[in-house]
Amino acid sequence: MARRTALLIAFQFPPMRGSSAIQRTLRFAQHLPKFGWTPIVLTATPGAYESVSAGADSDTGAIEVHRARAFDAARHLSLFGRYPRSLAIPDRWVTWKYSAVPTALRLIREQRIDVVWTTFPIATAHEIGLAVARRSGVPWVAEFRDPMWQGDYPPDTRVNGAWKQLESRVFEEARRVIVTTPGAARDYRARFPAFGDSNIAVVENGFDEDAFANAESRIRSRPPAAPARDGRLTLLHSGVIYPSERDPTCLFDAIALLRQRGDPAASRLELKLRATGNDSQFRRMIDDRGIGDIVRLEPSVDYVSALEEMLTVDGLLILQAANCNAQVPAKIYEYFRAGRPIIALTDAEGDTAGVLQRAGASLIAPLDSVGEIVDALREFVRRADARHWQPMNAETARGYSREHRTAELAAVFEGLRR
């Protein structure tokens, strides 16, 4: 079978730090050769990123990577903290388009590209894909992951209009669209019926087995950890907590209520929030409730260290509001592989709950119900003490691997050749 070449256009890529989206593109690029595709990645120059990694997170191995110059309007093009809004539509990195489009067209001429793939949530990536598809004629696959325009989101009026218009143009020019959840697929099929239901594919997120093997090797090489202080059970949320979409207010209120009632569960819990991205805001909320001895804010760590932590805590926490029912946090799939108990504070009717229920891997309560969160935390302690948690078995977990997801992506690419 002749090998084909895919140009992957993604802003979020090593050495950028701080987004699960980095792992999605990186692992696709690493695994595509197993399925007959040679990846070439086009991304941004590192200066465009607010935070970069100098560790293993930045290792792209043998992947061919090209970087087009990009500026962050907020950091590079502002004067006294202000910049023209036109320099941030559809996003703050719109300058990336002006060097990325000619670079992509050159790569198409030189390397006989068979398919171009672009990925959101940096909307400029789809601007690039649109221009490249129109000028080259190469089939374009546009990945949204989560829905792009969502009525009142984004809140800025000008950006909102630009996103809505760009989304419509994508559905006019792209050959295929990829999302990560059934809810997102239903939304787009309803809004763009002329595009064709079969042209919208669901390729969920996943976990990387090699990264987990590395984490497990590190754990084995260390002396056994000391038991948790006071016999406490550590519950971990790993990653960004958005003040709206993952609002922890009711969670903090539930912990404070357990404390006020003198509930034994309060003395058994230690909640660790790793790399929230909003520590200063949450610190005030924690201090106001007097729960700083239960809830700990921890800094970001490299990717493999984050996986080590997932493998060794007593439980893993998901936060997802009902306004994100068509979305699934990428960390869920890593949680599956970690094999630890999962508490999900989310709407029972959403895609996040659906994934967890199908996997049989969690305890679910609404994110906005203090009383039900109290019950869930108490049940977590009870099950942990009674050892009533059943972790996902390895065979089931393998179906959520990044390699398995890459096979699905390759199948989408192959479908363009028929």
Foldseek 3Di string as FASTA:
>chain_A
DAAAEEEEEEAQEAQADADVVNVLVLLLQVQLVVVRYHYEYEYADPVQHPDGDPDPRRDSDPHHYHHAYWHQCQPPVADPRDHDCVCQVLHRGLVSLVRRLVVVLVCCVVPVHQEYEYEDPVLSSLVSQLSNCVVPVHAYEYEDQADHQDPCPPVPPVNNVRRVVSVVSCLVRHLAYEYAFPLRLVVVCVVCVVSPSVRYYHQHFAAAPVLLVVLVVVCVVDDDDDQDPPQAAEEEEAHAADCPFQNQLLVLVLLLVCVVVVPPLNVRAAYEYEAHVPVVVVVVSNVVSVSPVRYYYHYHDDDSVSLNVLLPGQEYEAGGEAVRLRHADNCVLSNLVSQHAYEYAYDCNGRNVVVCVVQVGYHYHHSPDNVRSNVRSVVSVVCSVVVVGDHRDPVVSVCRHSSVSSSVVVVSSVVVVD
